[in-house]
C-alpha atoms as a PDB file:
ATOM      1  CA  MET A   1     149.193 179.559  37.054  1.00  0.00           C
ATOM      2  CA  PRO A   2     150.726 179.877  33.638  1.00  0.00           C
ATOM      3  CA  GLY A   3     150.947 183.382  32.190  1.00  0.00           C
ATOM      4  CA  ILE A   4     153.103 186.325  31.341  1.00  0.00           C
ATOM      5  CA  ASP A   5     155.645 187.450  33.873  1.00  0.00           C
ATOM      6  CA  LYS A   6     155.722 191.290  33.441  1.00  0.00           C
ATOM      7  CA  THR A   7     159.095 191.474  35.176  1.00  0.00           C
ATOM      8  CA  ARG A   8     160.815 189.644  32.316  1.00  0.00           C
ATOM      9  CA  PRO A   9     161.712 191.493  29.072  1.00  0.00           C
ATOM     10  CA  PHE A  10     160.155 190.661  25.762  1.00  0.00           C
ATOM     11  CA  LEU A  11     162.765 189.025  23.432  1.00  0.00           C
ATOM     12  CA  LYS A  12     162.132 189.153  19.775  1.00  0.00           C
ATOM     13  CA  VAL A  13     162.537 185.679  18.028  1.00  0.00           C
ATOM     14  CA  ARG A  14     163.550 185.472  14.341  1.00  0.00           C
ATOM     15  CA  ILE A  15     161.072 183.249  12.565  1.00  0.00           C
ATOM     16  CA  ALA A  16     161.217 181.845   9.113  1.00  0.00           C
ATOM     17  CA  VAL A  17     157.962 180.742   7.442  1.00  0.00           C
ATOM     18  CA  LEU A  18     157.792 177.987   4.905  1.00  0.00           C
ATOM     19  CA  THR A  19     154.673 177.043   2.944  1.00  0.00           C
ATOM     20  CA  VAL A  20     154.674 173.637   1.444  1.00  0.00           C
ATOM     21  CA  SER A  21     152.353 173.546  -1.544  1.00  0.00           C
ATOM     22  CA  ASP A  22     152.298 172.326  -5.170  1.00  0.00           C
ATOM     23  CA  THR A  23     149.619 174.919  -6.065  1.00  0.00           C
ATOM     24  CA  ARG A  24     150.031 178.135  -4.077  1.00  0.00           C
ATOM     25  CA  GLY A  25     152.086 181.222  -4.869  1.00  0.00           C
ATOM     26  CA  ILE A  26     152.624 184.176  -2.362  1.00  0.00           C
ATOM     27  CA  SER A  27     149.390 185.896  -3.353  1.00  0.00           C
ATOM     28  CA  GLU A  28     147.342 182.692  -2.638  1.00  0.00           C
ATOM     29  CA  ASP A  29     149.191 181.809   0.512  1.00  0.00           C
ATOM     30  CA  ARG A  30     146.679 182.605   3.213  1.00  0.00           C
ATOM     31  CA  SER A  31     148.100 180.204   5.806  1.00  0.00           C
ATOM     32  CA  GLY A  32     151.662 181.570   5.345  1.00  0.00           C
ATOM     33  CA  GLN A  33     150.350 185.162   5.528  1.00  0.00           C
ATOM     34  CA  THR A  34     148.396 184.271   8.560  1.00  0.00           C
ATOM     35  CA  LEU A  35     151.609 183.128  10.327  1.00  0.00           C
ATOM     36  CA  VAL A  36     153.431 186.249   9.224  1.00  0.00           C
ATOM     37  CA  ASP A  37     150.666 188.488  10.499  1.00  0.00           C
ATOM     38  CA  ARG A  38     150.591 186.817  13.879  1.00  0.00           C
ATOM     39  CA  LEU A  39     154.312 186.519  14.409  1.00  0.00           C
ATOM     40  CA  GLU A  40     154.801 190.136  13.556  1.00  0.00           C
ATOM     41  CA  GLY A  41     151.784 191.168  15.532  1.00  0.00           C
ATOM     42  CA  ALA A  42     153.357 189.451  18.607  1.00  0.00           C
ATOM     43  CA  GLY A  43     156.538 191.526  18.151  1.00  0.00           C
ATOM     44  CA  HIS A  44     158.733 188.878  16.478  1.00  0.00           C
ATOM     45  CA  ILE A  45     160.826 189.286  13.339  1.00  0.00           C
ATOM     46  CA  LEU A  46     160.065 187.577  10.014  1.00  0.00           C
ATOM     47  CA  ALA A  47     163.546 186.235   9.111  1.00  0.00           C
ATOM     48  CA  ASP A  48     162.549 184.820   5.787  1.00  0.00           C
ATOM     49  CA  ARG A  49     159.604 183.393   3.863  1.00  0.00           C
ATOM     50  CA  LYS A  50     159.489 180.767   1.032  1.00  0.00           C
ATOM     51  CA  ILE A  51     157.157 178.482  -0.728  1.00  0.00           C
ATOM     52  CA  VAL A  52     158.283 175.040  -1.902  1.00  0.00           C
ATOM     53  CA  LYS A  53     156.708 172.012  -3.619  1.00  0.00           C
ATOM     54  CA  ASP A  54     155.678 168.945  -1.613  1.00  0.00           C
ATOM     55  CA  ASP A  55     159.035 167.239  -2.146  1.00  0.00           C
ATOM     56  CA  VAL A  56     161.296 165.993   0.600  1.00  0.00           C
ATOM     57  CA  PRO A  57     164.628 167.215  -0.867  1.00  0.00           C
ATOM     58  CA  ASP A  58     163.213 170.640  -1.773  1.00  0.00           C
ATOM     59  CA  ILE A  59     161.733 171.091   1.830  1.00  0.00           C
ATOM     60  CA  GLN A  60     164.948 169.937   3.437  1.00  0.00           C
ATOM     61  CA  ALA A  61     167.150 172.154   1.366  1.00  0.00           C
ATOM     62  CA  VAL A  62     165.332 175.235   2.505  1.00  0.00           C
ATOM     63  CA  VAL A  63     165.134 174.082   6.160  1.00  0.00           C
ATOM     64  CA  ARG A  64     168.785 173.074   6.258  1.00  0.00           C
ATOM     65  CA  ASP A  65     169.718 176.608   4.949  1.00  0.00           C
ATOM     66  CA  TRP A  66     167.678 178.159   7.708  1.00  0.00           C
ATOM     67  CA  ILE A  67     169.125 175.886  10.355  1.00  0.00           C
ATOM     68  CA  ALA A  68     172.556 176.996   9.257  1.00  0.00           C
ATOM     69  CA  ASP A  69     171.536 180.681   9.271  1.00  0.00           C
ATOM     70  CA  GLU A  70     172.340 182.396  12.617  1.00  0.00           C
ATOM     71  CA  GLU A  71     169.593 184.877  11.851  1.00  0.00           C
ATOM     72  CA  VAL A  72     166.919 182.191  12.046  1.00  0.00           C
ATOM     73  CA  ASP A  73     165.797 180.976  15.490  1.00  0.00           C
ATOM     74  CA  VAL A  74     162.574 179.146  14.545  1.00  0.00           C
ATOM     75  CA  VAL A  75     161.160 177.597  11.377  1.00  0.00           C
ATOM     76  CA  ILE A  76     157.401 177.247  11.056  1.00  0.00           C
ATOM     77  CA  SER A  77     155.978 175.478   8.008  1.00  0.00           C
ATOM     78  CA  THR A  78     152.436 175.118   6.928  1.00  0.00           C
ATOM     79  CA  GLY A  79     151.116 172.443   4.645  1.00  0.00           C
ATOM     80  CA  GLY A  80     151.990 168.909   3.660  1.00  0.00           C
ATOM     81  CA  THR A  81     151.152 167.307   7.072  1.00  0.00           C
ATOM     82  CA  GLY A  82     148.138 165.185   5.966  1.00  0.00           C
ATOM     83  CA  VAL A  83     147.963 161.602   4.922  1.00  0.00           C
ATOM     84  CA  THR A  84     147.893 161.829   1.074  1.00  0.00           C
ATOM     85  CA  GLY A  85     150.627 160.720  -1.171  1.00  0.00           C
ATOM     86  CA  ARG A  86     151.950 164.231  -1.661  1.00  0.00           C
ATOM     87  CA  ASP A  87     151.970 165.161   2.105  1.00  0.00           C
ATOM     88  CA  VAL A  88     155.623 164.670   3.059  1.00  0.00           C
ATOM     89  CA  THR A  89     156.472 167.589   5.438  1.00  0.00           C
ATOM     90  CA  PRO A  90     156.668 165.375   8.560  1.00  0.00           C
ATOM     91  CA  GLU A  91     158.964 162.993   6.801  1.00  0.00           C
ATOM     92  CA  ALA A  92     161.270 165.825   5.625  1.00  0.00           C
ATOM     93  CA  PHE A  93     161.312 167.474   9.045  1.00  0.00           C
ATOM     94  CA  THR A  94     161.777 164.171  11.011  1.00  0.00           C
ATOM     95  CA  GLU A  95     164.873 163.256   9.116  1.00  0.00           C
ATOM     96  CA  LEU A  96     166.458 166.652  10.239  1.00  0.00           C
ATOM     97  CA  TYR A  97     165.518 166.468  13.967  1.00  0.00           C
ATOM     98  CA  GLU A  98     168.164 165.929  16.503  1.00  0.00           C
ATOM     99  CA  LYS A  99     165.496 165.863  19.121  1.00  0.00           C
ATOM    100  CA  GLU A 100     161.690 165.476  18.476  1.00  0.00           C
ATOM    101  CA  ILE A 101     159.195 167.401  20.587  1.00  0.00           C
ATOM    102  CA  PRO A 102     156.329 164.887  20.554  1.00  0.00           C
ATOM    103  CA  GLY A 103     154.275 166.947  22.926  1.00  0.00           C
ATOM    104  CA  PHE A 104     153.742 169.622  20.290  1.00  0.00           C
ATOM    105  CA  GLY A 105     151.806 167.429  17.922  1.00  0.00           C
ATOM    106  CA  GLU A 106     149.921 165.797  20.807  1.00  0.00           C
ATOM    107  CA  LEU A 107     148.884 169.211  22.187  1.00  0.00           C
ATOM    108  CA  PHE A 108     147.994 170.574  18.773  1.00  0.00           C
ATOM    109  CA  ARG A 109     145.698 167.533  18.078  1.00  0.00           C
ATOM    110  CA  MET A 110     144.050 167.833  21.532  1.00  0.00           C
ATOM    111  CA  LEU A 111     143.341 171.492  20.951  1.00  0.00           C
ATOM    112  CA  SER A 112     142.175 170.781  17.363  1.00  0.00           C
ATOM    113  CA  TYR A 113     139.805 168.056  18.490  1.00  0.00           C
ATOM    114  CA  GLN A 114     137.872 170.572  20.519  1.00  0.00           C
ATOM    115  CA  LYS A 115     137.178 172.477  17.283  1.00  0.00           C
ATOM    116  CA  ILE A 116     137.045 169.916  14.499  1.00  0.00           C
ATOM    117  CA  GLY A 117     136.402 166.704  16.327  1.00  0.00           C
ATOM    118  CA  THR A 118     137.914 163.471  15.036  1.00  0.00           C
ATOM    119  CA  SER A 119     138.990 164.995  11.767  1.00  0.00           C
ATOM    120  CA  THR A 120     142.102 166.161  13.710  1.00  0.00           C
ATOM    121  CA  ILE A 121     143.353 162.601  13.523  1.00  0.00           C
ATOM    122  CA  GLN A 122     144.436 163.325   9.943  1.00  0.00           C
ATOM    123  CA  SER A 123     146.947 165.902  11.074  1.00  0.00           C
ATOM    124  CA  ARG A 124     150.571 164.867  11.432  1.00  0.00           C
ATOM    125  CA  ALA A 125     151.715 168.167  12.965  1.00  0.00           C
ATOM    126  CA  THR A 126     155.180 167.720  14.341  1.00  0.00           C
ATOM    127  CA  ALA A 127     158.022 169.669  15.986  1.00  0.00           C
ATOM    128  CA  GLY A 128     161.686 169.158  16.887  1.00  0.00           C
ATOM    129  CA  VAL A 129     165.147 170.775  17.213  1.00  0.00           C
ATOM    130  CA  ALA A 130     167.963 170.765  14.798  1.00  0.00           C
ATOM    131  CA  GLY A 131     171.234 172.745  14.985  1.00  0.00           C
ATOM    132  CA  GLY A 132     169.814 174.891  17.748  1.00  0.00           C
ATOM    133  CA  THR A 133     166.730 175.844  15.667  1.00  0.00           C
ATOM    134  CA  TYR A 134     163.145 175.015  16.582  1.00  0.00           C
ATOM    135  CA  LEU A 135     161.189 173.373  13.734  1.00  0.00           C
ATOM    136  CA  PHE A 136     157.378 173.298  13.754  1.00  0.00           C
ATOM    137  CA  ALA A 137     155.325 171.743  10.926  1.00  0.00           C
ATOM    138  CA  LEU A 138     151.641 172.772  10.872  1.00  0.00           C
ATOM    139  CA  PRO A 139     148.753 171.758   8.642  1.00  0.00           C
ATOM    140  CA  GLY A 140     147.971 174.046   5.718  1.00  0.00           C
ATOM    141  CA  SER A 141     144.562 175.395   6.800  1.00  0.00           C
ATOM    142  CA  THR A 142     144.371 178.962   8.125  1.00  0.00           C
ATOM    143  CA  GLY A 143     142.332 177.522  11.047  1.00  0.00           C
ATOM    144  CA  ALA A 144     145.050 175.081  11.931  1.00  0.00           C
ATOM    145  CA  VAL A 145     147.685 177.768  11.782  1.00  0.00           C
ATOM    146  CA  LYS A 146     145.589 180.179  13.984  1.00  0.00           C
ATOM    147  CA  ASP A 147     145.114 177.323  16.468  1.00  0.00           C
ATOM    148  CA  ALA A 148     148.785 176.405  16.643  1.00  0.00           C
ATOM    149  CA  TRP A 149     149.985 180.011  16.912  1.00  0.00           C
ATOM    150  CA  ASP A 150     147.269 181.389  19.252  1.00  0.00           C
ATOM    151  CA  ASP A 151     147.084 178.411  21.630  1.00  0.00           C
ATOM    152  CA  ILE A 152     150.665 177.126  21.679  1.00  0.00           C
ATOM    153  CA  LEU A 153     153.422 179.016  19.783  1.00  0.00           C
ATOM    154  CA  VAL A 154     152.509 182.701  20.913  1.00  0.00           C
ATOM    155  CA  HIS A 155     153.071 181.449  24.454  1.00  0.00           C
ATOM    156  CA  GLN A 156     156.102 179.166  24.000  1.00  0.00           C
ATOM    157  CA  LEU A 157     157.888 181.729  21.788  1.00  0.00           C
ATOM    158  CA  ASP A 158     157.503 184.408  24.416  1.00  0.00           C
ATOM    159  CA  TYR A 159     160.347 184.568  26.955  1.00  0.00           C
ATOM    160  CA  ARG A 160     157.956 186.144  29.489  1.00  0.00           C
ATOM    161  CA  PHE A 161     155.680 183.133  29.558  1.00  0.00           C
ATOM    162  CA  MET A 162     155.940 181.146  32.744  1.00  0.00           C
ATOM    163  CA  PRO A 163     156.502 178.555  34.108  1.00  0.00           C
ATOM    164  CA  CYS A 164     158.646 177.750  31.170  1.00  0.00           C
ATOM    165  CA  ASN A 165     158.956 178.477  27.437  1.00  0.00           C
ATOM    166  CA  PHE A 166     161.217 177.580  24.418  1.00  0.00           C
ATOM    167  CA  VAL A 167     162.867 180.904  24.190  1.00  0.00           C
ATOM    168  CA  GLU A 168     164.763 180.502  27.492  1.00  0.00           C
ATOM    169  CA  LEU A 169     166.260 177.236  26.190  1.00  0.00           C
ATOM    170  CA  PHE A 170     167.857 178.661  23.121  1.00  0.00           C
ATOM    171  CA  ASP A 171     171.325 178.879  24.699  1.00  0.00           C
ATOM    172  CA  ARG A 172     171.061 175.175  25.847  1.00  0.00           C
ATOM    173  CA  LEU A 173     169.941 173.557  22.680  1.00  0.00           C
ATOM    174  CA  GLN A 174     173.259 172.627  21.518  1.00  0.00           C
ATOM    175  CA  GLU A 175     174.854 171.547  24.874  1.00  0.00           C
ATOM    176  CA  HIS A 176     175.607 168.104  23.472  1.00  0.00           C
ATOM    177  CA  GLU A 177     177.992 169.662  20.907  1.00  0.00           C
ATOM    178  CA  LYS A 178     179.888 171.466  23.711  1.00  0.00           C
ATOM    179  CA  ARG A 179     180.319 168.163  25.625  1.00  0.00           C
ATOM    180  CA  THR A 180     181.671 166.310  22.524  1.00  0.00           C
ATOM    181  CA  LYS A 181     184.068 169.142  21.632  1.00  0.00           C
ATOM    182  CA  GLY A 182     185.406 169.514  25.183  1.00  0.00           C
END
C-alpha cells in the first residue's frame, strides 16, 4: 500500500517556480503563489521564482540557469501548456530533456479528467530530467496546480513516500555521465 514510511527522514527539496505568462506580474500570479504556498507548506525550500513571457528562448534561458544551479533540485512551471499559438512551454521543456517522464502527463490528465472531464485533453502537461534536475510543466490554472501538487508531486517529492519516489533517485540521475567519463 503506498504511503509515508515514518522510519525515513523528511528531506527538503529545493524547488524553483517559473510562471509562463504574457500578462501576469507577481501580484497577479495566483498559480505561482499556489505552488509556493504548497511547496513551503510541505517543508520544501523555494530556491527561486520568476515570471517569463511565452517565448521558447526566454523560458529555456531561465530553466537552463536553474539546471546549472546546484541549489535547484526541481523546476516547476505553470502556464503555457495549452494548444494556442502562444502556448510553448512543452516545446521549451522537451528540447531540454535528457529523459522524458511520460507517466507524469498521463497521470495528471487522468486525475484531471475526474474533475474537469474531457477538457483535460487540452493540457500538454509534461515532465522530464535534465542535468540531474527534475522539470515539471503544469497548466496555468490554480486548479491544475493544486491537482498536480496535491495528487502527484507532494508524494513524489517526499523521500518518505513508498514504494518509490523521485527524491531517492537524485544521486542516480546523472549515472550516464559517470559511465562516459570513466
